[in-house]
Amino acid sequence: MKKILLLSDTHGYIGDEILKHVQKADEVWHAGDIGDLQVTDAIKKLKPLRAVYGNIDSAKARLEFPLHQKFTIEGVRVWMTHIGGYPNRYPKIVREEIQQQPPDLFIAGHSHILKVMHDKKLNLLHMNPGAVGIHGFHKVRTMLRFEVSNGKIQHLEVIEFERRIQKNPE
């Protein structure tokens, strides 16, 4: 059994409120738009990290992380990418491959909108953790926490934060 923390769209922000949840996970997965490699460096100091680069990420991030991560963990086949669309609305490059070899869990970021939905046609679970960074149009910052064990995804939780970080008055 592995406890997973799934986040995306940090856009260069990694605060203590996020790192507190990183410490509780066995692995952290980042679905792109890292923004600054200090984010992934901070996570890697605490836990194993799997990440993909997003559309805002630098050439340096693109050298460190792939566009797609495909792996199997605890019997669950996972495909993580940044711009992956949604069931019935996958981009062409994703749609063709996902129809041929559907994973059990398909993860995308990019939209800043938290969504977890079942793709009934392909019999897979689709997750988008929303955005946990402080930049963007989202009003609530979100991440997902879940467990993978014996081919199952279980104990899914949404973690929410306010969008704006309140500064302490001096």
C-alpha atoms as a PDB file:
ATOM      1  CA  MET A   1       0.000   0.000   0.000  1.00  0.00           C
ATOM      2  CA  LYS A   2       1.264   3.462  -0.937  1.00  0.00           C
ATOM      3  CA  LYS A   3      -0.086   6.833   0.164  1.00  0.00           C
ATOM      4  CA  ILE A   4       0.004   9.270  -2.759  1.00  0.00           C
ATOM      5  CA  LEU A   5      -0.183  13.061  -2.745  1.00  0.00           C
ATOM      6  CA  LEU A   6      -1.171  14.376  -6.183  1.00  0.00           C
ATOM      7  CA  LEU A   7      -0.708  18.033  -7.026  1.00  0.00           C
ATOM      8  CA  SER A   8      -0.390  20.242 -10.062  1.00  0.00           C
ATOM      9  CA  ASP A   9       0.038  23.814 -11.210  1.00  0.00           C
ATOM     10  CA  THR A  10       2.217  25.049  -8.376  1.00  0.00           C
ATOM     11  CA  HIS A  11       3.516  27.828 -10.660  1.00  0.00           C
ATOM     12  CA  GLY A  12       6.613  28.229  -8.497  1.00  0.00           C
ATOM     13  CA  TYR A  13       4.880  28.122  -5.115  1.00  0.00           C
ATOM     14  CA  ILE A  14       5.617  25.535  -2.404  1.00  0.00           C
ATOM     15  CA  GLY A  15       4.525  26.597   1.069  1.00  0.00           C
ATOM     16  CA  ASP A  16       4.691  24.933   4.463  1.00  0.00           C
ATOM     17  CA  GLU A  17       0.982  24.088   4.230  1.00  0.00           C
ATOM     18  CA  ILE A  18       1.773  21.923   1.189  1.00  0.00           C
ATOM     19  CA  LEU A  19       4.967  20.435   2.617  1.00  0.00           C
ATOM     20  CA  LYS A  20       3.040  19.342   5.720  1.00  0.00           C
ATOM     21  CA  HIS A  21       1.006  17.035   3.452  1.00  0.00           C
ATOM     22  CA  VAL A  22       4.093  15.957   1.503  1.00  0.00           C
ATOM     23  CA  GLN A  23       5.548  14.587   4.748  1.00  0.00           C
ATOM     24  CA  LYS A  24       2.486  12.351   5.263  1.00  0.00           C
ATOM     25  CA  ALA A  25       2.721  10.743   1.791  1.00  0.00           C
ATOM     26  CA  ASP A  26       4.811   7.806   0.616  1.00  0.00           C
ATOM     27  CA  GLU A  27       5.168   9.396  -2.838  1.00  0.00           C
ATOM     28  CA  VAL A  28       4.293  12.747  -4.393  1.00  0.00           C
ATOM     29  CA  TRP A  29       3.114  13.094  -7.992  1.00  0.00           C
ATOM     30  CA  HIS A  30       3.211  16.485  -9.734  1.00  0.00           C
ATOM     31  CA  ALA A  31       1.118  16.838 -12.907  1.00  0.00           C
ATOM     32  CA  GLY A  32       3.026  19.776 -14.395  1.00  0.00           C
ATOM     33  CA  ASP A  33       3.363  23.545 -14.434  1.00  0.00           C
ATOM     34  CA  ILE A  34       5.974  23.301 -11.721  1.00  0.00           C
ATOM     35  CA  GLY A  35       7.093  26.870 -12.393  1.00  0.00           C
ATOM     36  CA  ASP A  36      10.365  26.748 -10.476  1.00  0.00           C
ATOM     37  CA  LEU A  37      12.519  23.715  -9.756  1.00  0.00           C
ATOM     38  CA  GLN A  38      12.781  24.860  -6.122  1.00  0.00           C
ATOM     39  CA  VAL A  39       9.282  23.336  -5.835  1.00  0.00           C
ATOM     40  CA  THR A  40      10.359  19.874  -6.907  1.00  0.00           C
ATOM     41  CA  ASP A  41      13.665  20.150  -5.051  1.00  0.00           C
ATOM     42  CA  ALA A  42      11.782  20.845  -1.787  1.00  0.00           C
ATOM     43  CA  ILE A  43       9.514  17.854  -2.371  1.00  0.00           C
ATOM     44  CA  LYS A  44      12.410  15.528  -3.273  1.00  0.00           C
ATOM     45  CA  LYS A  45      14.168  16.395  -0.007  1.00  0.00           C
ATOM     46  CA  LEU A  46      11.216  14.843   1.826  1.00  0.00           C
ATOM     47  CA  LYS A  47       9.718  12.128  -0.385  1.00  0.00           C
ATOM     48  CA  PRO A  48      10.093  10.316  -3.702  1.00  0.00           C
ATOM     49  CA  LEU A  49       8.673  12.394  -6.558  1.00  0.00           C
ATOM     50  CA  ARG A  50       7.215  11.558  -9.950  1.00  0.00           C
ATOM     51  CA  ALA A  51       6.542  14.608 -12.117  1.00  0.00           C
ATOM     52  CA  VAL A  52       5.875  15.774 -15.656  1.00  0.00           C
ATOM     53  CA  TYR A  53       6.566  19.167 -17.140  1.00  0.00           C
ATOM     54  CA  GLY A  54       3.795  21.541 -18.129  1.00  0.00           C
ATOM     55  CA  ASN A  55       3.351  24.255 -20.716  1.00  0.00           C
ATOM     56  CA  ILE A  56       4.873  27.005 -18.517  1.00  0.00           C
ATOM     57  CA  ASP A  57       7.911  24.993 -17.480  1.00  0.00           C
ATOM     58  CA  SER A  58      11.460  25.924 -18.470  1.00  0.00           C
ATOM     59  CA  ALA A  59      13.887  24.022 -20.652  1.00  0.00           C
ATOM     60  CA  LYS A  60      15.677  22.972 -17.461  1.00  0.00           C
ATOM     61  CA  ALA A  61      12.459  21.414 -16.077  1.00  0.00           C
ATOM     62  CA  ARG A  62      11.881  19.696 -19.423  1.00  0.00           C
ATOM     63  CA  LEU A  63      15.324  18.115 -19.164  1.00  0.00           C
ATOM     64  CA  GLU A  64      14.612  16.830 -15.655  1.00  0.00           C
ATOM     65  CA  PHE A  65      11.023  15.652 -16.150  1.00  0.00           C
ATOM     66  CA  PRO A  66       9.242  14.008 -19.102  1.00  0.00           C
ATOM     67  CA  LEU A  67       6.047  15.114 -20.859  1.00  0.00           C
ATOM     68  CA  HIS A  68       4.414  11.785 -19.942  1.00  0.00           C
ATOM     69  CA  GLN A  69       4.989   9.440 -17.000  1.00  0.00           C
ATOM     70  CA  LYS A  70       3.719   5.896 -17.441  1.00  0.00           C
ATOM     71  CA  PHE A  71       4.279   3.447 -14.624  1.00  0.00           C
ATOM     72  CA  THR A  72       2.676   0.713 -12.556  1.00  0.00           C
ATOM     73  CA  ILE A  73       2.484   1.000  -8.778  1.00  0.00           C
ATOM     74  CA  GLU A  74       0.840  -1.507  -6.448  1.00  0.00           C
ATOM     75  CA  GLY A  75      -0.831  -3.114  -9.477  1.00  0.00           C
ATOM     76  CA  VAL A  76      -2.321   0.174 -10.765  1.00  0.00           C
ATOM     77  CA  ARG A  77      -1.281   1.277 -14.273  1.00  0.00           C
ATOM     78  CA  VAL A  78      -0.846   5.075 -14.289  1.00  0.00           C
ATOM     79  CA  TRP A  79      -0.426   7.611 -17.072  1.00  0.00           C
ATOM     80  CA  MET A  80       0.317  11.176 -15.968  1.00  0.00           C
ATOM     81  CA  THR A  81       0.665  14.159 -18.306  1.00  0.00           C
ATOM     82  CA  HIS A  82      -0.020  17.877 -18.019  1.00  0.00           C
ATOM     83  CA  ILE A  83      -2.443  18.607 -20.859  1.00  0.00           C
ATOM     84  CA  GLY A  84      -4.566  15.483 -21.098  1.00  0.00           C
ATOM     85  CA  GLY A  85      -8.144  16.664 -21.452  1.00  0.00           C
ATOM     86  CA  TYR A  86     -11.088  14.773 -19.994  1.00  0.00           C
ATOM     87  CA  PRO A  87     -13.118  11.668 -20.868  1.00  0.00           C
ATOM     88  CA  ASN A  88     -14.692  12.123 -24.318  1.00  0.00           C
ATOM     89  CA  ARG A  89     -12.490  15.237 -24.762  1.00  0.00           C
ATOM     90  CA  TYR A  90      -8.917  13.937 -24.889  1.00  0.00           C
ATOM     91  CA  PRO A  91      -6.474  15.691 -27.265  1.00  0.00           C
ATOM     92  CA  LYS A  92      -5.841  13.645 -30.421  1.00  0.00           C
ATOM     93  CA  ILE A  93      -2.343  12.495 -29.399  1.00  0.00           C
ATOM     94  CA  VAL A  94      -3.682  11.257 -26.045  1.00  0.00           C
ATOM     95  CA  ARG A  95      -6.940   9.845 -27.458  1.00  0.00           C
ATOM     96  CA  GLU A  96      -5.218   7.548 -29.939  1.00  0.00           C
ATOM     97  CA  GLU A  97      -2.835   6.081 -27.388  1.00  0.00           C
ATOM     98  CA  ILE A  98      -5.293   5.891 -24.505  1.00  0.00           C
ATOM     99  CA  GLN A  99      -7.762   3.920 -26.633  1.00  0.00           C
ATOM    100  CA  GLN A 100      -5.085   1.384 -27.553  1.00  0.00           C
ATOM    101  CA  GLN A 101      -3.666   0.945 -24.047  1.00  0.00           C
ATOM    102  CA  PRO A 102      -5.885   2.503 -21.390  1.00  0.00           C
ATOM    103  CA  PRO A 103      -4.311   2.857 -17.953  1.00  0.00           C
ATOM    104  CA  ASP A 104      -6.251   2.245 -14.758  1.00  0.00           C
ATOM    105  CA  LEU A 105      -5.604   5.854 -13.697  1.00  0.00           C
ATOM    106  CA  PHE A 106      -5.167   8.809 -16.061  1.00  0.00           C
ATOM    107  CA  ILE A 107      -3.890  12.045 -14.488  1.00  0.00           C
ATOM    108  CA  ALA A 108      -3.790  15.500 -16.054  1.00  0.00           C
ATOM    109  CA  GLY A 109      -3.322  19.010 -14.720  1.00  0.00           C
ATOM    110  CA  HIS A 110      -3.475  22.298 -16.657  1.00  0.00           C
ATOM    111  CA  SER A 111      -7.122  23.346 -16.213  1.00  0.00           C
ATOM    112  CA  HIS A 112      -6.805  24.458 -12.555  1.00  0.00           C
ATOM    113  CA  ILE A 113     -10.150  22.671 -12.069  1.00  0.00           C
ATOM    114  CA  LEU A 114     -10.359  19.745  -9.654  1.00  0.00           C
ATOM    115  CA  LYS A 115     -12.116  16.793 -11.290  1.00  0.00           C
ATOM    116  CA  VAL A 116     -12.258  13.104 -10.535  1.00  0.00           C
ATOM    117  CA  MET A 117     -14.395  11.117 -12.943  1.00  0.00           C
ATOM    118  CA  HIS A 118     -14.810   7.642 -14.313  1.00  0.00           C
ATOM    119  CA  ASP A 119     -14.291   7.178 -18.050  1.00  0.00           C
ATOM    120  CA  LYS A 120     -16.893   4.496 -18.683  1.00  0.00           C
ATOM    121  CA  LYS A 121     -15.870   3.932 -22.308  1.00  0.00           C
ATOM    122  CA  LEU A 122     -12.259   3.151 -21.431  1.00  0.00           C
ATOM    123  CA  ASN A 123     -12.906   1.833 -17.914  1.00  0.00           C
ATOM    124  CA  LEU A 124     -10.387   4.121 -16.235  1.00  0.00           C
ATOM    125  CA  LEU A 125     -10.367   6.707 -13.474  1.00  0.00           C
ATOM    126  CA  HIS A 126      -9.475  10.253 -14.518  1.00  0.00           C
ATOM    127  CA  MET A 127      -8.000  12.669 -11.952  1.00  0.00           C
ATOM    128  CA  ASN A 128      -7.121  16.332 -12.188  1.00  0.00           C
ATOM    129  CA  PRO A 129      -5.981  17.660  -8.796  1.00  0.00           C
ATOM    130  CA  GLY A 130      -6.759  21.277  -9.705  1.00  0.00           C
ATOM    131  CA  ALA A 131      -4.129  23.892  -8.861  1.00  0.00           C
ATOM    132  CA  VAL A 132      -2.280  24.340  -5.567  1.00  0.00           C
ATOM    133  CA  GLY A 133      -0.262  27.390  -6.601  1.00  0.00           C
ATOM    134  CA  ILE A 134      -1.215  30.937  -5.649  1.00  0.00           C
ATOM    135  CA  HIS A 135      -1.335  32.223  -9.244  1.00  0.00           C
ATOM    136  CA  GLY A 136      -4.223  31.610 -11.615  1.00  0.00           C
ATOM    137  CA  PHE A 137      -7.970  32.058 -11.840  1.00  0.00           C
ATOM    138  CA  HIS A 138      -8.887  29.337  -9.335  1.00  0.00           C
ATOM    139  CA  LYS A 139     -10.529  30.522  -6.114  1.00  0.00           C
ATOM    140  CA  VAL A 140      -9.633  27.455  -4.046  1.00  0.00           C
ATOM    141  CA  ARG A 141      -6.242  25.739  -4.139  1.00  0.00           C
ATOM    142  CA  THR A 142      -6.567  21.946  -4.221  1.00  0.00           C
ATOM    143  CA  MET A 143      -4.597  18.693  -4.106  1.00  0.00           C
ATOM    144  CA  LEU A 144      -5.643  15.048  -3.911  1.00  0.00           C
ATOM    145  CA  ARG A 145      -4.555  12.341  -1.497  1.00  0.00           C
ATOM    146  CA  PHE A 146      -5.311   8.645  -2.014  1.00  0.00           C
ATOM    147  CA  GLU A 147      -3.920   5.164  -1.561  1.00  0.00           C
ATOM    148  CA  VAL A 148      -3.024   2.540  -4.130  1.00  0.00           C
ATOM    149  CA  SER A 149      -2.997  -1.084  -3.065  1.00  0.00           C
ATOM    150  CA  ASN A 150      -3.493  -4.437  -4.771  1.00  0.00           C
ATOM    151  CA  GLY A 151      -4.653  -2.869  -8.038  1.00  0.00           C
ATOM    152  CA  LYS A 152      -7.116  -0.515  -6.343  1.00  0.00           C
ATOM    153  CA  ILE A 153      -7.342   3.220  -5.772  1.00  0.00           C
ATOM    154  CA  GLN A 154      -8.959   3.943  -2.422  1.00  0.00           C
ATOM    155  CA  HIS A 155      -9.441   6.482   0.371  1.00  0.00           C
ATOM    156  CA  LEU A 156      -9.515   9.455  -2.003  1.00  0.00           C
ATOM    157  CA  GLU A 157      -9.507  12.842  -0.249  1.00  0.00           C
ATOM    158  CA  VAL A 158      -9.571  16.416  -1.495  1.00  0.00           C
ATOM    159  CA  ILE A 159      -7.252  18.858   0.286  1.00  0.00           C
ATOM    160  CA  GLU A 160      -8.319  22.503  -0.006  1.00  0.00           C
ATOM    161  CA  PHE A 161      -6.599  25.791   0.782  1.00  0.00           C
ATOM    162  CA  GLU A 162      -7.657  29.380   0.304  1.00  0.00           C
ATOM    163  CA  ARG A 163      -6.277  30.864  -2.889  1.00  0.00           C
ATOM    164  CA  ARG A 164      -4.588  33.872  -1.421  1.00  0.00           C
ATOM    165  CA  ILE A 165      -1.919  33.397   1.182  1.00  0.00           C
ATOM    166  CA  GLN A 166      -2.662  35.716   4.095  1.00  0.00           C
ATOM    167  CA  LYS A 167       0.365  37.593   5.358  1.00  0.00           C
ATOM    168  CA  ASN A 168       0.689  38.186   9.079  1.00  0.00           C
ATOM    169  CA  PRO A 169       0.205  41.832  10.019  1.00  0.00           C
ATOM    170  CA  GLU A 170       3.359  43.397  11.401  1.00  0.00           C
END
